[in-house]
Amino acid sequence: MTIETHEIEWRGLRIEVRFNPNWSRAHEEIYGYALAHLELRTIELRGFPLPVTETGYRSQFTPAHLIEREGGPVSFALGWLEAEAFYRPREWDERRMKVAQLSLFD
């Protein structure tokens, strides 16, 4: 099992991208394509929300050929983040501001 680890920067956030291109061999034997596992995790600001997760961590299983078609795990992750931020900007901004704002009751 080969796991690739990459570090990217997206909109000022450092994010770790972990990618296992063949997470399940049994899936490939049954369905004819490899099932990949992609993980995104904020690095410096652990738990800081991203457009694809409220917790700063996201685990996603998807056909490996779809990730490769987008240029690999880094390109796929950047495109995914941008698409979610574009199509749901209000939700993304509200989550980001809620975490960034200090609270008197914390």
N, C-alpha and C. Protein backbone atom coordinates (compact mmCIF):
# COMPACT_ATOMS: atom_id res chain seq x y z
N MET A 1 0.84 -1.17 0.00
CA MET A 1 0.00 0.00 0.00
C MET A 1 0.89 1.24 0.00
N THR A 2 0.76 2.04 -1.04
CA THR A 2 1.53 3.27 -1.17
C THR A 2 0.64 4.46 -0.86
N ILE A 3 1.04 5.24 0.12
CA ILE A 3 0.30 6.44 0.48
C ILE A 3 1.16 7.65 0.16
N GLU A 4 0.63 8.54 -0.66
CA GLU A 4 1.33 9.78 -0.99
C GLU A 4 0.89 10.84 0.01
N THR A 5 1.83 11.66 0.44
CA THR A 5 1.52 12.79 1.32
C THR A 5 2.03 14.06 0.67
N HIS A 6 1.16 15.04 0.57
CA HIS A 6 1.50 16.32 -0.03
C HIS A 6 1.06 17.43 0.91
N GLU A 7 1.75 18.56 0.84
CA GLU A 7 1.34 19.74 1.58
C GLU A 7 1.03 20.83 0.57
N ILE A 8 -0.15 21.40 0.71
CA ILE A 8 -0.57 22.46 -0.21
C ILE A 8 -0.92 23.71 0.60
N GLU A 9 -0.98 24.83 -0.10
CA GLU A 9 -1.49 26.05 0.52
C GLU A 9 -2.69 26.49 -0.31
N TRP A 10 -3.79 26.72 0.37
CA TRP A 10 -5.01 27.16 -0.28
C TRP A 10 -5.60 28.32 0.52
N ARG A 11 -5.66 29.49 -0.13
CA ARG A 11 -6.20 30.70 0.50
C ARG A 11 -5.58 30.98 1.86
N GLY A 12 -4.27 30.80 1.94
CA GLY A 12 -3.54 31.09 3.17
C GLY A 12 -3.55 29.98 4.20
N LEU A 13 -4.21 28.87 3.91
CA LEU A 13 -4.25 27.74 4.83
C LEU A 13 -3.33 26.63 4.34
N ARG A 14 -2.53 26.09 5.24
CA ARG A 14 -1.71 24.93 4.89
C ARG A 14 -2.53 23.67 5.15
N ILE A 15 -2.56 22.81 4.15
CA ILE A 15 -3.40 21.62 4.19
C ILE A 15 -2.56 20.41 3.79
N GLU A 16 -2.71 19.34 4.55
CA GLU A 16 -2.07 18.07 4.19
C GLU A 16 -3.05 17.26 3.35
N VAL A 17 -2.55 16.74 2.24
CA VAL A 17 -3.32 15.88 1.35
C VAL A 17 -2.67 14.51 1.38
N ARG A 18 -3.41 13.51 1.84
CA ARG A 18 -2.91 12.13 1.83
C ARG A 18 -3.75 11.34 0.82
N PHE A 19 -3.06 10.51 0.03
CA PHE A 19 -3.74 9.82 -1.06
C PHE A 19 -3.25 8.39 -1.15
N ASN A 20 -4.20 7.47 -1.09
CA ASN A 20 -3.93 6.06 -1.31
C ASN A 20 -4.68 5.68 -2.59
N PRO A 21 -3.96 5.49 -3.71
CA PRO A 21 -4.62 5.27 -4.99
C PRO A 21 -5.33 3.93 -5.13
N ASN A 22 -5.00 2.96 -4.30
CA ASN A 22 -5.64 1.65 -4.38
C ASN A 22 -5.98 1.18 -2.98
N TRP A 23 -6.96 1.81 -2.38
CA TRP A 23 -7.34 1.52 -1.01
C TRP A 23 -7.92 0.12 -0.86
N SER A 24 -8.65 -0.34 -1.85
CA SER A 24 -9.30 -1.65 -1.76
C SER A 24 -9.07 -2.48 -3.02
N ARG A 25 -8.25 -3.48 -2.89
CA ARG A 25 -8.02 -4.39 -4.02
C ARG A 25 -9.28 -5.19 -4.34
N ALA A 26 -10.02 -5.55 -3.32
CA ALA A 26 -11.25 -6.32 -3.54
C ALA A 26 -12.24 -5.51 -4.38
N HIS A 27 -12.30 -4.23 -4.14
CA HIS A 27 -13.20 -3.36 -4.92
C HIS A 27 -12.81 -3.38 -6.39
N GLU A 28 -11.52 -3.35 -6.65
CA GLU A 28 -11.05 -3.38 -8.04
C GLU A 28 -11.42 -4.70 -8.71
N GLU A 29 -11.27 -5.79 -7.98
CA GLU A 29 -11.60 -7.10 -8.54
C GLU A 29 -13.09 -7.24 -8.82
N ILE A 30 -13.93 -6.69 -7.96
CA ILE A 30 -15.37 -6.81 -8.12
C ILE A 30 -15.92 -5.83 -9.15
N TYR A 31 -15.53 -4.55 -9.03
CA TYR A 31 -16.13 -3.51 -9.85
C TYR A 31 -15.29 -3.08 -11.06
N GLY A 32 -14.03 -3.49 -11.10
CA GLY A 32 -13.20 -3.20 -12.25
C GLY A 32 -12.44 -1.89 -12.19
N TYR A 33 -12.50 -1.18 -11.07
CA TYR A 33 -11.71 0.03 -10.92
C TYR A 33 -11.26 0.17 -9.47
N ALA A 34 -10.11 0.82 -9.31
CA ALA A 34 -9.54 0.99 -7.98
C ALA A 34 -10.31 2.05 -7.20
N LEU A 35 -10.50 1.78 -5.93
CA LEU A 35 -11.12 2.75 -5.02
C LEU A 35 -10.00 3.44 -4.25
N ALA A 36 -9.92 4.76 -4.42
CA ALA A 36 -8.87 5.53 -3.77
C ALA A 36 -9.41 6.17 -2.49
N HIS A 37 -8.48 6.48 -1.60
CA HIS A 37 -8.82 7.19 -0.35
C HIS A 37 -8.03 8.49 -0.34
N LEU A 38 -8.75 9.59 -0.18
CA LEU A 38 -8.15 10.92 -0.15
C LEU A 38 -8.50 11.55 1.20
N GLU A 39 -7.49 12.12 1.86
CA GLU A 39 -7.71 12.80 3.13
C GLU A 39 -7.19 14.23 3.04
N LEU A 40 -7.96 15.16 3.58
CA LEU A 40 -7.55 16.55 3.70
C LEU A 40 -7.56 16.90 5.18
N ARG A 41 -6.51 17.61 5.62
CA ARG A 41 -6.42 18.00 7.03
C ARG A 41 -5.69 19.33 7.13
N THR A 42 -6.28 20.28 7.85
CA THR A 42 -5.59 21.55 8.05
C THR A 42 -4.38 21.29 8.95
N ILE A 43 -3.28 21.99 8.69
CA ILE A 43 -2.04 21.73 9.41
C ILE A 43 -1.85 22.68 10.58
N GLU A 44 -1.68 23.95 10.31
CA GLU A 44 -1.37 24.90 11.37
C GLU A 44 -2.57 25.18 12.27
N LEU A 45 -3.69 25.37 11.66
CA LEU A 45 -4.91 25.68 12.40
C LEU A 45 -5.77 24.44 12.47
N ARG A 46 -5.36 23.48 13.28
CA ARG A 46 -6.11 22.22 13.37
C ARG A 46 -7.57 22.50 13.69
N GLY A 47 -8.44 21.87 12.95
CA GLY A 47 -9.85 22.04 13.16
C GLY A 47 -10.47 23.23 12.45
N PHE A 48 -9.64 24.01 11.76
CA PHE A 48 -10.18 25.16 11.04
C PHE A 48 -11.01 24.65 9.87
N PRO A 49 -12.24 25.13 9.72
CA PRO A 49 -13.11 24.59 8.67
C PRO A 49 -12.61 24.89 7.26
N LEU A 50 -12.93 23.98 6.39
CA LEU A 50 -12.68 24.11 4.96
C LEU A 50 -14.03 24.03 4.26
N PRO A 51 -14.12 24.42 3.02
CA PRO A 51 -15.41 24.33 2.33
C PRO A 51 -15.98 22.91 2.26
N VAL A 52 -15.11 21.91 2.40
CA VAL A 52 -15.57 20.52 2.31
C VAL A 52 -15.74 19.86 3.67
N THR A 53 -15.45 20.60 4.76
CA THR A 53 -15.57 20.03 6.10
C THR A 53 -15.64 21.12 7.16
N GLU A 54 -16.45 20.90 8.17
CA GLU A 54 -16.54 21.85 9.27
C GLU A 54 -15.44 21.64 10.31
N THR A 55 -14.78 20.49 10.26
CA THR A 55 -13.82 20.12 11.31
C THR A 55 -12.36 20.27 10.92
N GLY A 56 -12.08 20.62 9.67
CA GLY A 56 -10.70 20.70 9.22
C GLY A 56 -10.13 19.37 8.79
N TYR A 57 -10.96 18.32 8.79
CA TYR A 57 -10.52 17.00 8.33
C TYR A 57 -11.62 16.41 7.46
N ARG A 58 -11.22 15.81 6.34
CA ARG A 58 -12.17 15.15 5.46
C ARG A 58 -11.54 13.89 4.90
N SER A 59 -12.25 12.81 4.97
CA SER A 59 -11.86 11.53 4.40
C SER A 59 -12.85 11.22 3.30
N GLN A 60 -12.33 10.93 2.10
CA GLN A 60 -13.21 10.71 0.95
C GLN A 60 -12.74 9.50 0.16
N PHE A 61 -13.66 8.61 -0.15
CA PHE A 61 -13.38 7.47 -1.01
C PHE A 61 -13.98 7.76 -2.37
N THR A 62 -13.19 7.57 -3.40
CA THR A 62 -13.65 7.87 -4.76
C THR A 62 -12.87 7.00 -5.75
N PRO A 63 -13.42 6.74 -6.92
CA PRO A 63 -12.67 5.98 -7.92
C PRO A 63 -11.33 6.67 -8.24
N ALA A 64 -10.28 5.90 -8.23
CA ALA A 64 -8.93 6.45 -8.44
C ALA A 64 -8.80 7.14 -9.79
N HIS A 65 -9.46 6.60 -10.81
CA HIS A 65 -9.32 7.20 -12.15
C HIS A 65 -9.89 8.62 -12.21
N LEU A 66 -10.86 8.95 -11.36
CA LEU A 66 -11.39 10.31 -11.34
C LEU A 66 -10.36 11.30 -10.79
N ILE A 67 -9.61 10.87 -9.79
CA ILE A 67 -8.56 11.73 -9.22
C ILE A 67 -7.42 11.89 -10.21
N GLU A 68 -7.03 10.81 -10.84
CA GLU A 68 -5.95 10.87 -11.83
C GLU A 68 -6.35 11.72 -13.03
N ARG A 69 -7.62 11.63 -13.42
CA ARG A 69 -8.11 12.41 -14.56
C ARG A 69 -8.00 13.92 -14.30
N GLU A 70 -8.10 14.31 -13.04
CA GLU A 70 -7.99 15.73 -12.67
C GLU A 70 -6.55 16.19 -12.48
N GLY A 71 -5.59 15.29 -12.70
CA GLY A 71 -4.18 15.66 -12.60
C GLY A 71 -3.50 15.17 -11.34
N GLY A 72 -4.16 14.32 -10.57
CA GLY A 72 -3.57 13.77 -9.35
C GLY A 72 -4.22 14.36 -8.10
N PRO A 73 -3.80 13.89 -6.93
CA PRO A 73 -4.46 14.28 -5.69
C PRO A 73 -4.37 15.76 -5.35
N VAL A 74 -3.26 16.41 -5.67
CA VAL A 74 -3.12 17.83 -5.35
C VAL A 74 -4.08 18.66 -6.21
N SER A 75 -4.08 18.42 -7.50
CA SER A 75 -4.99 19.14 -8.40
C SER A 75 -6.44 18.86 -8.05
N PHE A 76 -6.74 17.61 -7.74
CA PHE A 76 -8.10 17.24 -7.37
C PHE A 76 -8.54 17.98 -6.11
N ALA A 77 -7.68 17.99 -5.09
CA ALA A 77 -8.01 18.65 -3.81
C ALA A 77 -8.21 20.15 -4.01
N LEU A 78 -7.31 20.80 -4.74
CA LEU A 78 -7.45 22.24 -4.98
C LEU A 78 -8.73 22.56 -5.75
N GLY A 79 -9.04 21.77 -6.75
CA GLY A 79 -10.25 21.97 -7.51
C GLY A 79 -11.50 21.75 -6.68
N TRP A 80 -11.47 20.75 -5.83
CA TRP A 80 -12.59 20.43 -4.96
C TRP A 80 -12.85 21.59 -3.98
N LEU A 81 -11.78 22.08 -3.35
CA LEU A 81 -11.90 23.19 -2.41
C LEU A 81 -12.46 24.44 -3.11
N GLU A 82 -11.92 24.76 -4.28
CA GLU A 82 -12.39 25.94 -5.01
C GLU A 82 -13.85 25.80 -5.43
N ALA A 83 -14.22 24.62 -5.90
CA ALA A 83 -15.60 24.41 -6.34
C ALA A 83 -16.57 24.56 -5.18
N GLU A 84 -16.27 23.97 -4.05
CA GLU A 84 -17.16 24.07 -2.89
C GLU A 84 -17.23 25.50 -2.37
N ALA A 85 -16.10 26.19 -2.36
CA ALA A 85 -16.09 27.59 -1.91
C ALA A 85 -16.89 28.47 -2.87
N PHE A 86 -16.86 28.15 -4.14
CA PHE A 86 -17.58 28.93 -5.15
C PHE A 86 -19.09 28.67 -5.09
N TYR A 87 -19.47 27.39 -4.99
CA TYR A 87 -20.89 27.05 -5.06
C TYR A 87 -21.62 27.24 -3.74
N ARG A 88 -20.90 27.29 -2.62
CA ARG A 88 -21.54 27.50 -1.32
C ARG A 88 -20.78 28.55 -0.52
N PRO A 89 -20.62 29.75 -1.08
CA PRO A 89 -19.79 30.75 -0.41
C PRO A 89 -20.35 31.21 0.92
N ARG A 90 -21.65 31.33 1.06
CA ARG A 90 -22.23 31.80 2.31
C ARG A 90 -21.94 30.81 3.45
N GLU A 91 -22.16 29.53 3.21
CA GLU A 91 -21.89 28.52 4.24
C GLU A 91 -20.41 28.53 4.63
N TRP A 92 -19.54 28.60 3.63
CA TRP A 92 -18.10 28.59 3.87
C TRP A 92 -17.69 29.81 4.67
N ASP A 93 -18.15 30.99 4.29
CA ASP A 93 -17.80 32.22 5.01
C ASP A 93 -18.32 32.21 6.45
N GLU A 94 -19.54 31.72 6.65
CA GLU A 94 -20.10 31.67 8.00
C GLU A 94 -19.28 30.74 8.90
N ARG A 95 -18.91 29.58 8.40
CA ARG A 95 -18.09 28.65 9.20
C ARG A 95 -16.73 29.25 9.52
N ARG A 96 -16.12 29.87 8.52
CA ARG A 96 -14.79 30.45 8.69
C ARG A 96 -14.84 31.59 9.71
N MET A 97 -15.83 32.45 9.62
CA MET A 97 -15.94 33.58 10.53
C MET A 97 -16.27 33.13 11.95
N LYS A 98 -17.09 32.11 12.08
CA LYS A 98 -17.45 31.61 13.41
C LYS A 98 -16.23 31.11 14.16
N VAL A 99 -15.35 30.42 13.48
CA VAL A 99 -14.13 29.90 14.11
C VAL A 99 -13.15 31.04 14.38
N ALA A 100 -13.06 31.98 13.46
CA ALA A 100 -12.08 33.06 13.59
C ALA A 100 -12.47 34.07 14.66
N GLN A 101 -13.77 34.23 14.92
CA GLN A 101 -14.23 35.23 15.88
C GLN A 101 -14.07 34.72 17.31
N LEU A 102 -13.56 35.55 18.16
CA LEU A 102 -13.42 35.19 19.57
C LEU A 102 -14.78 35.25 20.24
N SER A 103 -14.97 34.39 21.23
CA SER A 103 -16.22 34.37 21.97
C SER A 103 -15.95 34.68 23.44
N LEU A 104 -16.85 35.43 24.06
CA LEU A 104 -16.73 35.72 25.49
C LEU A 104 -17.04 34.51 26.35
N PHE A 105 -17.69 33.52 25.77
CA PHE A 105 -18.17 32.38 26.55
C PHE A 105 -17.32 31.12 26.38
N ASP A 106 -16.22 31.20 25.64
CA ASP A 106 -15.34 30.02 25.45
C ASP A 106 -14.33 29.93 26.56
